[in-house]
Amino acid sequence: MSNAQTTNAQISNARTADAPTGVVRRLDKADLERVVAIDQAIGDRSRYGFFERRVDAAIGDPAGYISLGYVEDGVVQGFVLAHILDGEFGGRHPIAVLDAIGVDRGARGHGGAHALLAELQKAARGRGARAVRTQASWPDEAIMHFLAAAGFQLGTRLVLDRPTARAPGEMRPGEEESEGQDLSQDRIAVRAMTLLDIPAVISIDRSVTGRDRSAYLHRKAEDVLKSRGLRMSMLAEIDGTPAGFVMARVDYGEFGQAEPEAVFDTIGVDPEFAGQNVGSVLLAQLLEQLANLQVERVRTVVEWNNVELIAFLDKLGFRPTQNLTLALPL
């Protein structure tokens, strides 16, 4: 989020019930330079690529992305960006994720932030979302006050991450066997997923979750084709049979991140191949690919009481971050 220099004016702006002096409308390509300038003045660095991709995505896929601007006298003075999740991180219902928000210093106190958040909630409801979620670093007292004043509450999910590079002495799955020979990866073939794999992925996902998420998984495949950021989807096979999959993406700018960071949001292993290191090998291959792309960290989000998944990720080197998840029910 654009949170580096949140001020008391922004906090009171979120509280005010007064009518704003401007209007809120969708952002378009002509607004990009102005939005980037507002964000850069707050965070002291440019996230042009991030905003360009998100504005383009909102224009091309208005059901999946939300980008709004607060306008006074014909000039954009604030913005909010969000995207819709419908299955990522094991979710059962659509949610809106608040990625970035900012108001120009000269327009603070005018009700712009309040108006942007109100329109974001309206747009999210229109897309079937049941909550707006975001992440914030807990030491950032100003942004925490801002979000609390806007009605956000502490969420129930943990944000975990790890470096993509190996830690000193770290062994990848199977390497402890046979004096360092990686038998797991000889037995489990991992390759890039294609559209032809989607039926098999849907079948595995249904076996794991007990739900038909075909629309969600087809949408993820569409994201790859339309290149909304860098997305990596990988399939594991044993003796030519699909055994599991993992989906991840690389984004530049979510939640105020200045450096590229990968997010893995979907993983599934066919119950028939449970206990055969499929999930571990998939994530090991994902880490190698991300490291080769010079992406330094990968993160994910997990429910606090999903003990089995937390233990699995802990074994693979994931640790809690300084970020807290926050939610605003709709």
C-alpha atoms as a PDB file:
ATOM      1  CA  MET A   1       0.000   0.000   0.000  1.00  0.00           C
ATOM      2  CA  SER A   2       1.061   3.605  -0.306  1.00  0.00           C
ATOM      3  CA  ASN A   3       1.785   3.786   3.388  1.00  0.00           C
ATOM      4  CA  ALA A   4       5.260   5.210   3.802  1.00  0.00           C
ATOM      5  CA  GLN A   5       4.175   8.652   4.977  1.00  0.00           C
ATOM      6  CA  THR A   6       0.588   8.345   6.139  1.00  0.00           C
ATOM      7  CA  THR A   7      -0.357  11.454   8.118  1.00  0.00           C
ATOM      8  CA  ASN A   8      -2.901  12.427  10.748  1.00  0.00           C
ATOM      9  CA  ALA A   9      -4.787  14.224   7.983  1.00  0.00           C
ATOM     10  CA  GLN A  10      -5.213  10.925   6.148  1.00  0.00           C
ATOM     11  CA  ILE A  11      -6.374   9.223   9.322  1.00  0.00           C
ATOM     12  CA  SER A  12      -9.005  11.857  10.041  1.00  0.00           C
ATOM     13  CA  ASN A  13      -9.959  11.723   6.371  1.00  0.00           C
ATOM     14  CA  ALA A  14     -10.921   8.060   6.778  1.00  0.00           C
ATOM     15  CA  ARG A  15     -13.081   8.928   9.807  1.00  0.00           C
ATOM     16  CA  THR A  16     -14.990  11.853   8.399  1.00  0.00           C
ATOM     17  CA  ALA A  17     -18.594  11.384   7.351  1.00  0.00           C
ATOM     18  CA  ASP A  18     -18.702  14.741   5.552  1.00  0.00           C
ATOM     19  CA  ALA A  19     -19.386  14.759   1.838  1.00  0.00           C
ATOM     20  CA  PRO A  20     -16.148  14.900  -0.166  1.00  0.00           C
ATOM     21  CA  THR A  21     -15.418  17.976  -2.241  1.00  0.00           C
ATOM     22  CA  GLY A  22     -14.612  15.875  -5.327  1.00  0.00           C
ATOM     23  CA  VAL A  23     -15.941  12.823  -7.160  1.00  0.00           C
ATOM     24  CA  VAL A  24     -14.775   9.233  -7.575  1.00  0.00           C
ATOM     25  CA  ARG A  25     -14.576   7.583 -10.983  1.00  0.00           C
ATOM     26  CA  ARG A  26     -12.736   4.755 -12.699  1.00  0.00           C
ATOM     27  CA  LEU A  27      -9.139   5.366 -13.626  1.00  0.00           C
ATOM     28  CA  ASP A  28      -8.076   5.259 -17.258  1.00  0.00           C
ATOM     29  CA  LYS A  29      -4.746   5.288 -19.076  1.00  0.00           C
ATOM     30  CA  ALA A  30      -4.669   9.083 -19.159  1.00  0.00           C
ATOM     31  CA  ASP A  31      -4.577   9.115 -15.338  1.00  0.00           C
ATOM     32  CA  LEU A  32      -1.498   6.888 -15.020  1.00  0.00           C
ATOM     33  CA  GLU A  33       1.186   9.578 -14.786  1.00  0.00           C
ATOM     34  CA  ARG A  34      -0.745  11.494 -12.148  1.00  0.00           C
ATOM     35  CA  VAL A  35      -1.370   8.383 -10.029  1.00  0.00           C
ATOM     36  CA  VAL A  36       2.305   7.408 -10.182  1.00  0.00           C
ATOM     37  CA  ALA A  37       3.310  10.959  -9.177  1.00  0.00           C
ATOM     38  CA  ILE A  38       0.997  10.909  -6.120  1.00  0.00           C
ATOM     39  CA  ASP A  39       2.334   7.505  -5.065  1.00  0.00           C
ATOM     40  CA  GLN A  40       5.961   8.502  -5.586  1.00  0.00           C
ATOM     41  CA  ALA A  41       5.518  11.634  -3.442  1.00  0.00           C
ATOM     42  CA  ILE A  42       4.273   9.387  -0.628  1.00  0.00           C
ATOM     43  CA  GLY A  43       6.741   6.533  -0.964  1.00  0.00           C
ATOM     44  CA  ASP A  44       9.803   8.276  -2.441  1.00  0.00           C
ATOM     45  CA  ARG A  45      10.119   5.805  -5.328  1.00  0.00           C
ATOM     46  CA  SER A  46       8.316   5.115  -8.581  1.00  0.00           C
ATOM     47  CA  ARG A  47       6.085   2.044  -9.027  1.00  0.00           C
ATOM     48  CA  TYR A  48       5.173   2.903 -12.609  1.00  0.00           C
ATOM     49  CA  GLY A  49       5.157  -0.689 -13.856  1.00  0.00           C
ATOM     50  CA  PHE A  50       2.860  -1.842 -11.063  1.00  0.00           C
ATOM     51  CA  PHE A  51       0.303   0.905 -11.656  1.00  0.00           C
ATOM     52  CA  GLU A  52       0.467   0.510 -15.419  1.00  0.00           C
ATOM     53  CA  ARG A  53      -0.308  -3.209 -15.179  1.00  0.00           C
ATOM     54  CA  ARG A  54      -3.124  -2.711 -12.691  1.00  0.00           C
ATOM     55  CA  VAL A  55      -4.835   0.086 -14.615  1.00  0.00           C
ATOM     56  CA  ASP A  56      -4.587  -1.978 -17.814  1.00  0.00           C
ATOM     57  CA  ALA A  57      -5.977  -5.027 -16.002  1.00  0.00           C
ATOM     58  CA  ALA A  58      -8.919  -3.054 -14.602  1.00  0.00           C
ATOM     59  CA  ILE A  59      -9.764  -1.788 -18.088  1.00  0.00           C
ATOM     60  CA  GLY A  60      -9.448  -5.236 -19.664  1.00  0.00           C
ATOM     61  CA  ASP A  61     -11.042  -7.230 -16.833  1.00  0.00           C
ATOM     62  CA  PRO A  62     -13.342  -5.000 -14.774  1.00  0.00           C
ATOM     63  CA  ALA A  63     -14.775  -8.056 -13.001  1.00  0.00           C
ATOM     64  CA  GLY A  64     -11.364  -8.991 -11.606  1.00  0.00           C
ATOM     65  CA  TYR A  65      -9.744  -5.623 -10.868  1.00  0.00           C
ATOM     66  CA  ILE A  66     -10.846  -2.286  -9.409  1.00  0.00           C
ATOM     67  CA  SER A  67      -9.030   1.013 -10.004  1.00  0.00           C
ATOM     68  CA  LEU A  68     -10.642   4.241  -8.846  1.00  0.00           C
ATOM     69  CA  GLY A  69      -9.569   7.863  -8.766  1.00  0.00           C
ATOM     70  CA  TYR A  70     -10.656  10.763  -6.571  1.00  0.00           C
ATOM     71  CA  VAL A  71     -10.989  13.879  -8.743  1.00  0.00           C
ATOM     72  CA  GLU A  72     -11.238  17.549  -7.786  1.00  0.00           C
ATOM     73  CA  ASP A  73     -11.686  20.231 -10.447  1.00  0.00           C
ATOM     74  CA  GLY A  74     -10.786  17.737 -13.152  1.00  0.00           C
ATOM     75  CA  VAL A  75      -7.508  16.665 -11.504  1.00  0.00           C
ATOM     76  CA  VAL A  76      -6.893  13.247  -9.970  1.00  0.00           C
ATOM     77  CA  GLN A  77      -5.999  13.820  -6.317  1.00  0.00           C
ATOM     78  CA  GLY A  78      -6.191  10.258  -5.012  1.00  0.00           C
ATOM     79  CA  PHE A  79      -6.491   6.622  -6.027  1.00  0.00           C
ATOM     80  CA  VAL A  80      -7.321   3.153  -4.779  1.00  0.00           C
ATOM     81  CA  LEU A  81      -6.457  -0.152  -6.466  1.00  0.00           C
ATOM     82  CA  ALA A  82      -7.789  -3.604  -5.612  1.00  0.00           C
ATOM     83  CA  HIS A  83      -8.248  -7.015  -7.165  1.00  0.00           C
ATOM     84  CA  ILE A  84     -10.752  -9.805  -6.634  1.00  0.00           C
ATOM     85  CA  LEU A  85      -9.741 -13.215  -5.290  1.00  0.00           C
ATOM     86  CA  ASP A  86     -12.062 -16.179  -5.664  1.00  0.00           C
ATOM     87  CA  GLY A  87     -10.226 -19.293  -4.537  1.00  0.00           C
ATOM     88  CA  GLU A  88      -6.652 -18.180  -3.854  1.00  0.00           C
ATOM     89  CA  PHE A  89      -5.161 -19.252  -0.523  1.00  0.00           C
ATOM     90  CA  GLY A  90      -7.997 -21.750  -0.063  1.00  0.00           C
ATOM     91  CA  GLY A  91     -10.711 -19.096   0.048  1.00  0.00           C
ATOM     92  CA  ARG A  92     -14.312 -20.235  -0.338  1.00  0.00           C
ATOM     93  CA  HIS A  93     -15.894 -16.885  -1.235  1.00  0.00           C
ATOM     94  CA  PRO A  94     -14.836 -13.892  -3.355  1.00  0.00           C
ATOM     95  CA  ILE A  95     -12.954 -11.142  -1.547  1.00  0.00           C
ATOM     96  CA  ALA A  96     -11.468  -7.830  -2.641  1.00  0.00           C
ATOM     97  CA  VAL A  97      -7.809  -7.193  -1.848  1.00  0.00           C
ATOM     98  CA  LEU A  98      -6.814  -3.572  -1.285  1.00  0.00           C
ATOM     99  CA  ASP A  99      -3.421  -3.209  -2.976  1.00  0.00           C
ATOM    100  CA  ALA A 100      -2.705   0.517  -2.859  1.00  0.00           C
ATOM    101  CA  ILE A 101      -4.325   3.759  -1.737  1.00  0.00           C
ATOM    102  CA  GLY A 102      -3.036   7.314  -1.714  1.00  0.00           C
ATOM    103  CA  VAL A 103      -4.186  10.935  -1.614  1.00  0.00           C
ATOM    104  CA  ASP A 104      -2.180  13.949  -2.739  1.00  0.00           C
ATOM    105  CA  ARG A 105      -0.947  16.005   0.219  1.00  0.00           C
ATOM    106  CA  GLY A 106      -2.687  19.107  -1.045  1.00  0.00           C
ATOM    107  CA  ALA A 107      -6.073  17.359  -1.095  1.00  0.00           C
ATOM    108  CA  ARG A 108      -5.963  15.643   2.291  1.00  0.00           C
ATOM    109  CA  GLY A 109      -8.770  16.476   4.666  1.00  0.00           C
ATOM    110  CA  HIS A 110     -11.220  16.881   1.772  1.00  0.00           C
ATOM    111  CA  GLY A 111     -12.896  13.498   2.273  1.00  0.00           C
ATOM    112  CA  GLY A 112     -11.117  11.827  -0.641  1.00  0.00           C
ATOM    113  CA  ALA A 113      -9.879   8.734   1.211  1.00  0.00           C
ATOM    114  CA  HIS A 114     -13.319   8.203   2.743  1.00  0.00           C
ATOM    115  CA  ALA A 115     -14.953   8.494  -0.686  1.00  0.00           C
ATOM    116  CA  LEU A 116     -12.440   6.112  -2.294  1.00  0.00           C
ATOM    117  CA  LEU A 117     -12.946   3.438   0.368  1.00  0.00           C
ATOM    118  CA  ALA A 118     -16.737   3.810   0.166  1.00  0.00           C
ATOM    119  CA  GLU A 119     -16.693   3.345  -3.621  1.00  0.00           C
ATOM    120  CA  LEU A 120     -14.264   0.443  -3.296  1.00  0.00           C
ATOM    121  CA  GLN A 121     -16.666  -1.330  -0.946  1.00  0.00           C
ATOM    122  CA  LYS A 122     -19.572  -0.666  -3.323  1.00  0.00           C
ATOM    123  CA  ALA A 123     -17.606  -2.007  -6.291  1.00  0.00           C
ATOM    124  CA  ALA A 124     -16.462  -5.056  -4.311  1.00  0.00           C
ATOM    125  CA  ARG A 125     -20.036  -5.899  -3.304  1.00  0.00           C
ATOM    126  CA  GLY A 126     -21.052  -5.620  -6.940  1.00  0.00           C
ATOM    127  CA  ARG A 127     -18.511  -8.327  -7.747  1.00  0.00           C
ATOM    128  CA  GLY A 128     -19.832 -10.640  -5.056  1.00  0.00           C
ATOM    129  CA  ALA A 129     -17.068 -10.004  -2.520  1.00  0.00           C
ATOM    130  CA  ARG A 130     -17.839 -10.586   1.147  1.00  0.00           C
ATOM    131  CA  ALA A 131     -14.902  -8.623   2.546  1.00  0.00           C
ATOM    132  CA  VAL A 132     -12.068  -6.279   1.678  1.00  0.00           C
ATOM    133  CA  ARG A 133      -8.691  -7.531   2.876  1.00  0.00           C
ATOM    134  CA  THR A 134      -5.227  -6.046   2.931  1.00  0.00           C
ATOM    135  CA  GLN A 135      -1.829  -6.404   4.581  1.00  0.00           C
ATOM    136  CA  ALA A 136       0.180  -3.897   6.578  1.00  0.00           C
ATOM    137  CA  SER A 137       3.437  -3.977   8.498  1.00  0.00           C
ATOM    138  CA  TRP A 138       2.626  -3.953  12.210  1.00  0.00           C
ATOM    139  CA  PRO A 139       5.343  -1.399  13.171  1.00  0.00           C
ATOM    140  CA  ASP A 140       3.737   1.132  10.789  1.00  0.00           C
ATOM    141  CA  GLU A 141       1.545   2.803  13.383  1.00  0.00           C
ATOM    142  CA  ALA A 142       0.148   5.430  11.017  1.00  0.00           C
ATOM    143  CA  ILE A 143      -1.220   3.004   8.441  1.00  0.00           C
ATOM    144  CA  MET A 144      -2.621   0.789  11.204  1.00  0.00           C
ATOM    145  CA  HIS A 145      -4.533   3.776  12.611  1.00  0.00           C
ATOM    146  CA  PHE A 146      -5.707   4.702   9.130  1.00  0.00           C
ATOM    147  CA  LEU A 147      -7.080   1.228   8.418  1.00  0.00           C
ATOM    148  CA  ALA A 148      -8.603   0.865  11.885  1.00  0.00           C
ATOM    149  CA  ALA A 149     -10.381   4.212  11.469  1.00  0.00           C
ATOM    150  CA  ALA A 150     -11.741   2.945   8.150  1.00  0.00           C
ATOM    151  CA  GLY A 151     -13.261  -0.099   9.867  1.00  0.00           C
ATOM    152  CA  PHE A 152     -10.649  -2.776   9.177  1.00  0.00           C
ATOM    153  CA  GLN A 153     -10.153  -5.453  11.826  1.00  0.00           C
ATOM    154  CA  LEU A 154      -7.313  -7.881  12.483  1.00  0.00           C
ATOM    155  CA  GLY A 155      -7.706 -10.905  10.212  1.00  0.00           C
ATOM    156  CA  THR A 156      -7.254 -14.577  11.003  1.00  0.00           C
ATOM    157  CA  ARG A 157      -4.569 -15.336   8.434  1.00  0.00           C
ATOM    158  CA  LEU A 158      -0.794 -15.470   8.769  1.00  0.00           C
ATOM    159  CA  VAL A 159       1.600 -14.080   6.160  1.00  0.00           C
ATOM    160  CA  LEU A 160       4.595 -16.391   5.704  1.00  0.00           C
ATOM    161  CA  ASP A 161       7.603 -15.989   3.451  1.00  0.00           C
ATOM    162  CA  ARG A 162      11.110 -17.204   2.749  1.00  0.00           C
ATOM    163  CA  PRO A 163      14.034 -16.360   0.452  1.00  0.00           C
ATOM    164  CA  THR A 164      14.044 -18.135  -2.898  1.00  0.00           C
ATOM    165  CA  ALA A 165      17.761 -18.851  -2.477  1.00  0.00           C
ATOM    166  CA  ARG A 166      18.849 -21.813  -0.402  1.00  0.00           C
ATOM    167  CA  ALA A 167      19.825 -21.171   3.176  1.00  0.00           C
ATOM    168  CA  PRO A 168      23.323 -22.391   4.139  1.00  0.00           C
ATOM    169  CA  GLY A 169      23.192 -26.178   4.393  1.00  0.00           C
ATOM    170  CA  GLU A 170      19.590 -26.387   3.173  1.00  0.00           C
ATOM    171  CA  MET A 171      18.647 -29.616   1.411  1.00  0.00           C
ATOM    172  CA  ARG A 172      15.938 -29.779  -1.226  1.00  0.00           C
ATOM    173  CA  PRO A 173      13.367 -32.618  -1.069  1.00  0.00           C
ATOM    174  CA  GLY A 174      14.997 -36.016  -1.547  1.00  0.00           C
ATOM    175  CA  GLU A 175      18.579 -34.776  -1.349  1.00  0.00           C
ATOM    176  CA  GLU A 176      19.118 -36.369   2.020  1.00  0.00           C
ATOM    177  CA  GLU A 177      18.661 -39.721   0.328  1.00  0.00           C
ATOM    178  CA  SER A 178      21.445 -41.730  -1.291  1.00  0.00           C
ATOM    179  CA  GLU A 179      24.324 -39.381  -0.394  1.00  0.00           C
ATOM    180  CA  GLY A 180      22.802 -36.270  -1.882  1.00  0.00           C
ATOM    181  CA  GLN A 181      21.256 -37.770  -5.017  1.00  0.00           C
ATOM    182  CA  ASP A 182      17.821 -36.203  -5.476  1.00  0.00           C
ATOM    183  CA  LEU A 183      15.693 -39.304  -5.919  1.00  0.00           C
ATOM    184  CA  SER A 184      12.418 -37.419  -5.470  1.00  0.00           C
ATOM    185  CA  GLN A 185      12.984 -35.256  -8.502  1.00  0.00           C
ATOM    186  CA  ASP A 186      14.036 -38.271 -10.585  1.00  0.00           C
ATOM    187  CA  ARG A 187      10.709 -39.912  -9.770  1.00  0.00           C
ATOM    188  CA  ILE A 188       8.568 -36.746  -9.928  1.00  0.00           C
ATOM    189  CA  ALA A 189       8.698 -34.785 -13.183  1.00  0.00           C
ATOM    190  CA  VAL A 190       7.818 -31.086 -12.916  1.00  0.00           C
ATOM    191  CA  ARG A 191       7.037 -28.934 -15.943  1.00  0.00           C
ATOM    192  CA  ALA A 192       5.229 -25.744 -16.873  1.00  0.00           C
ATOM    193  CA  MET A 193       1.459 -26.097 -16.920  1.00  0.00           C
ATOM    194  CA  THR A 194      -0.424 -25.669 -20.202  1.00  0.00           C
ATOM    195  CA  LEU A 195      -4.091 -25.092 -20.979  1.00  0.00           C
ATOM    196  CA  LEU A 196      -4.376 -28.775 -21.862  1.00  0.00           C
ATOM    197  CA  ASP A 197      -3.587 -29.583 -18.219  1.00  0.00           C
ATOM    198  CA  ILE A 198      -6.526 -27.608 -16.797  1.00  0.00           C
ATOM    199  CA  PRO A 199      -8.983 -30.561 -16.729  1.00  0.00           C
ATOM    200  CA  ALA A 200      -6.477 -32.623 -14.737  1.00  0.00           C
ATOM    201  CA  VAL A 201      -5.816 -29.692 -12.408  1.00  0.00           C
ATOM    202  CA  ILE A 202      -9.553 -29.208 -11.856  1.00  0.00           C
ATOM    203  CA  SER A 203      -9.877 -32.905 -11.029  1.00  0.00           C
ATOM    204  CA  ILE A 204      -7.026 -32.780  -8.495  1.00  0.00           C
ATOM    205  CA  ASP A 205      -8.398 -29.617  -6.940  1.00  0.00           C
ATOM    206  CA  ARG A 206     -11.860 -31.169  -6.617  1.00  0.00           C
ATOM    207  CA  SER A 207     -10.355 -34.218  -4.905  1.00  0.00           C
ATOM    208  CA  VAL A 208      -8.521 -31.995  -2.420  1.00  0.00           C
ATOM    209  CA  THR A 209     -11.166 -29.360  -1.698  1.00  0.00           C
ATOM    210  CA  GLY A 210     -14.396 -31.241  -2.404  1.00  0.00           C
ATOM    211  CA  ARG A 211     -15.511 -28.275  -4.513  1.00  0.00           C
ATOM    212  CA  ASP A 212     -15.790 -27.513  -8.218  1.00  0.00           C
ATOM    213  CA  ARG A 213     -13.537 -24.489  -8.755  1.00  0.00           C
ATOM    214  CA  SER A 214     -13.275 -24.850 -12.516  1.00  0.00           C
ATOM    215  CA  ALA A 215     -14.243 -21.207 -13.164  1.00  0.00           C
ATOM    216  CA  TYR A 216     -11.536 -20.009 -10.773  1.00  0.00           C
ATOM    217  CA  LEU A 217      -8.866 -22.254 -12.290  1.00  0.00           C
ATOM    218  CA  HIS A 218      -9.806 -21.265 -15.837  1.00  0.00           C
ATOM    219  CA  ARG A 219      -9.484 -17.615 -14.776  1.00  0.00           C
ATOM    220  CA  LYS A 220      -5.987 -18.308 -13.456  1.00  0.00           C
ATOM    221  CA  ALA A 221      -5.087 -19.795 -16.824  1.00  0.00           C
ATOM    222  CA  GLU A 222      -6.455 -16.697 -18.546  1.00  0.00           C
ATOM    223  CA  ASP A 223      -4.184 -14.565 -16.373  1.00  0.00           C
ATOM    224  CA  VAL A 224      -1.208 -16.438 -17.825  1.00  0.00           C
ATOM    225  CA  LEU A 225      -2.376 -15.896 -21.407  1.00  0.00           C
ATOM    226  CA  LYS A 226      -3.032 -12.199 -20.836  1.00  0.00           C
ATOM    227  CA  SER A 227       0.277 -11.703 -18.983  1.00  0.00           C
ATOM    228  CA  ARG A 228      -1.141  -9.813 -15.998  1.00  0.00           C
ATOM    229  CA  GLY A 229       2.183  -9.711 -14.210  1.00  0.00           C
ATOM    230  CA  LEU A 230       4.485 -12.726 -14.307  1.00  0.00           C
ATOM    231  CA  ARG A 231       2.602 -15.915 -13.431  1.00  0.00           C
ATOM    232  CA  MET A 232       4.132 -19.325 -12.972  1.00  0.00           C
ATOM    233  CA  SER A 233       2.032 -22.486 -12.972  1.00  0.00           C
ATOM    234  CA  MET A 234       3.721 -25.873 -12.643  1.00  0.00           C
ATOM    235  CA  LEU A 235       2.480 -29.453 -12.881  1.00  0.00           C
ATOM    236  CA  ALA A 236       4.029 -32.531 -11.257  1.00  0.00           C
ATOM    237  CA  GLU A 237       3.717 -35.941 -12.882  1.00  0.00           C
ATOM    238  CA  ILE A 238       4.543 -39.463 -11.713  1.00  0.00           C
ATOM    239  CA  ASP A 239       4.837 -42.023 -14.499  1.00  0.00           C
ATOM    240  CA  GLY A 240       3.062 -39.593 -16.807  1.00  0.00           C
ATOM    241  CA  THR A 241       0.089 -39.125 -14.469  1.00  0.00           C
ATOM    242  CA  PRO A 242      -0.682 -35.620 -13.101  1.00  0.00           C
ATOM    243  CA  ALA A 243       0.035 -35.749  -9.369  1.00  0.00           C
ATOM    244  CA  GLY A 244      -0.063 -32.127  -8.227  1.00  0.00           C
ATOM    245  CA  PHE A 245       0.219 -28.491  -9.197  1.00  0.00           C
ATOM    246  CA  VAL A 246       1.281 -25.109  -7.859  1.00  0.00           C
ATOM    247  CA  MET A 247       0.360 -21.613  -9.059  1.00  0.00           C
ATOM    248  CA  ALA A 248       2.306 -18.456  -8.251  1.00  0.00           C
ATOM    249  CA  ARG A 249       2.736 -14.929  -9.551  1.00  0.00           C
ATOM    250  CA  VAL A 250       5.304 -12.179  -9.354  1.00  0.00           C
ATOM    251  CA  ASP A 251       4.032  -8.686  -8.687  1.00  0.00           C
ATOM    252  CA  TYR A 252       5.881  -5.414  -8.288  1.00  0.00           C
ATOM    253  CA  GLY A 253       4.241  -3.061  -5.857  1.00  0.00           C
ATOM    254  CA  GLU A 254       1.527  -4.789  -3.843  1.00  0.00           C
ATOM    255  CA  PHE A 255       1.164  -3.501  -0.269  1.00  0.00           C
ATOM    256  CA  GLY A 256       3.922  -0.947  -0.829  1.00  0.00           C
ATOM    257  CA  GLN A 257       6.571  -3.498  -1.816  1.00  0.00           C
ATOM    258  CA  ALA A 258       9.443  -1.790  -3.616  1.00  0.00           C
ATOM    259  CA  GLU A 259      11.100  -4.995  -4.832  1.00  0.00           C
ATOM    260  CA  PRO A 260       9.575  -7.848  -6.855  1.00  0.00           C
ATOM    261  CA  GLU A 261       8.202 -10.599  -4.662  1.00  0.00           C
ATOM    262  CA  ALA A 262       6.507 -13.836  -5.643  1.00  0.00           C
ATOM    263  CA  VAL A 263       3.237 -14.991  -4.155  1.00  0.00           C
ATOM    264  CA  PHE A 264       2.177 -18.615  -4.319  1.00  0.00           C
ATOM    265  CA  ASP A 265      -1.566 -18.806  -3.845  1.00  0.00           C
ATOM    266  CA  THR A 266      -2.710 -22.257  -4.976  1.00  0.00           C
ATOM    267  CA  ILE A 267      -1.268 -25.735  -4.443  1.00  0.00           C
ATOM    268  CA  GLY A 268      -2.828 -29.169  -4.713  1.00  0.00           C
ATOM    269  CA  VAL A 269      -1.654 -32.789  -4.558  1.00  0.00           C
ATOM    270  CA  ASP A 270      -3.788 -35.701  -5.730  1.00  0.00           C
ATOM    271  CA  PRO A 271      -4.677 -37.759  -2.625  1.00  0.00           C
ATOM    272  CA  GLU A 272      -3.560 -40.852  -4.548  1.00  0.00           C
ATOM    273  CA  PHE A 273       0.017 -39.520  -4.361  1.00  0.00           C
ATOM    274  CA  ALA A 274      -0.096 -38.177  -0.812  1.00  0.00           C
ATOM    275  CA  GLY A 275       3.058 -38.734   1.236  1.00  0.00           C
ATOM    276  CA  GLN A 276       5.299 -38.985  -1.839  1.00  0.00           C
ATOM    277  CA  ASN A 277       6.964 -35.550  -1.601  1.00  0.00           C
ATOM    278  CA  VAL A 278       4.944 -34.125  -4.514  1.00  0.00           C
ATOM    279  CA  GLY A 279       4.153 -30.810  -2.790  1.00  0.00           C
ATOM    280  CA  SER A 280       7.712 -30.387  -1.539  1.00  0.00           C
ATOM    281  CA  VAL A 281       9.210 -31.056  -4.973  1.00  0.00           C
ATOM    282  CA  LEU A 282       6.786 -28.633  -6.623  1.00  0.00           C
ATOM    283  CA  LEU A 283       7.728 -25.834  -4.234  1.00  0.00           C
ATOM    284  CA  ALA A 284      11.436 -26.653  -4.545  1.00  0.00           C
ATOM    285  CA  GLN A 285      11.178 -26.315  -8.320  1.00  0.00           C
ATOM    286  CA  LEU A 286       9.215 -23.087  -7.923  1.00  0.00           C
ATOM    287  CA  LEU A 287      11.922 -21.648  -5.662  1.00  0.00           C
ATOM    288  CA  GLU A 288      14.628 -22.578  -8.189  1.00  0.00           C
ATOM    289  CA  GLN A 289      12.743 -20.938 -11.052  1.00  0.00           C
ATOM    290  CA  LEU A 290      12.090 -17.764  -9.061  1.00  0.00           C
ATOM    291  CA  ALA A 291      15.725 -17.552  -7.964  1.00  0.00           C
ATOM    292  CA  ASN A 292      16.777 -17.850 -11.620  1.00  0.00           C
ATOM    293  CA  LEU A 293      14.478 -14.904 -12.383  1.00  0.00           C
ATOM    294  CA  GLN A 294      16.241 -12.923  -9.602  1.00  0.00           C
ATOM    295  CA  VAL A 295      13.079 -12.763  -7.500  1.00  0.00           C
ATOM    296  CA  GLU A 296      14.457 -12.827  -3.981  1.00  0.00           C
ATOM    297  CA  ARG A 297      11.470 -13.776  -1.823  1.00  0.00           C
ATOM    298  CA  VAL A 298       8.216 -15.726  -2.014  1.00  0.00           C
ATOM    299  CA  ARG A 299       5.259 -15.356   0.335  1.00  0.00           C
ATOM    300  CA  THR A 300       1.901 -16.930   0.974  1.00  0.00           C
ATOM    301  CA  VAL A 301      -1.071 -16.554   3.303  1.00  0.00           C
ATOM    302  CA  VAL A 302      -2.511 -19.332   5.453  1.00  0.00           C
ATOM    303  CA  GLU A 303      -5.268 -19.568   8.045  1.00  0.00           C
ATOM    304  CA  TRP A 304      -3.872 -19.480  11.581  1.00  0.00           C
ATOM    305  CA  ASN A 305      -5.470 -22.821  12.472  1.00  0.00           C
ATOM    306  CA  ASN A 306      -4.423 -24.753   9.349  1.00  0.00           C
ATOM    307  CA  VAL A 307      -1.868 -26.662  11.364  1.00  0.00           C
ATOM    308  CA  GLU A 308      -1.054 -29.213   8.670  1.00  0.00           C
ATOM    309  CA  LEU A 309      -0.269 -26.606   6.011  1.00  0.00           C
ATOM    310  CA  ILE A 310       1.712 -24.440   8.445  1.00  0.00           C
ATOM    311  CA  ALA A 311       3.826 -27.454   9.440  1.00  0.00           C
ATOM    312  CA  PHE A 312       4.422 -28.273   5.760  1.00  0.00           C
ATOM    313  CA  LEU A 313       5.547 -24.717   4.995  1.00  0.00           C
ATOM    314  CA  ASP A 314       7.669 -24.552   8.144  1.00  0.00           C
ATOM    315  CA  LYS A 315       9.564 -27.641   6.994  1.00  0.00           C
ATOM    316  CA  LEU A 316      10.242 -25.840   3.704  1.00  0.00           C
ATOM    317  CA  GLY A 317      11.691 -22.778   5.413  1.00  0.00           C
ATOM    318  CA  PHE A 318       8.700 -20.415   5.480  1.00  0.00           C
ATOM    319  CA  ARG A 319       8.533 -18.116   8.502  1.00  0.00           C
ATOM    320  CA  PRO A 320       6.089 -15.434   9.776  1.00  0.00           C
ATOM    321  CA  THR A 321       6.591 -11.940   8.348  1.00  0.00           C
ATOM    322  CA  GLN A 322       6.075  -8.533   9.949  1.00  0.00           C
ATOM    323  CA  ASN A 323       2.853  -8.145   7.966  1.00  0.00           C
ATOM    324  CA  LEU A 324      -0.588  -8.476   9.520  1.00  0.00           C
ATOM    325  CA  THR A 325      -3.712  -9.312   7.564  1.00  0.00           C
ATOM    326  CA  LEU A 326      -6.670  -6.962   8.027  1.00  0.00           C
ATOM    327  CA  ALA A 327     -10.264  -7.397   6.928  1.00  0.00           C
ATOM    328  CA  LEU A 328     -13.264  -5.147   6.417  1.00  0.00           C
ATOM    329  CA  PRO A 329     -16.522  -7.182   6.285  1.00  0.00           C
ATOM    330  CA  LEU A 330     -18.998  -6.139   3.618  1.00  0.00           C
END
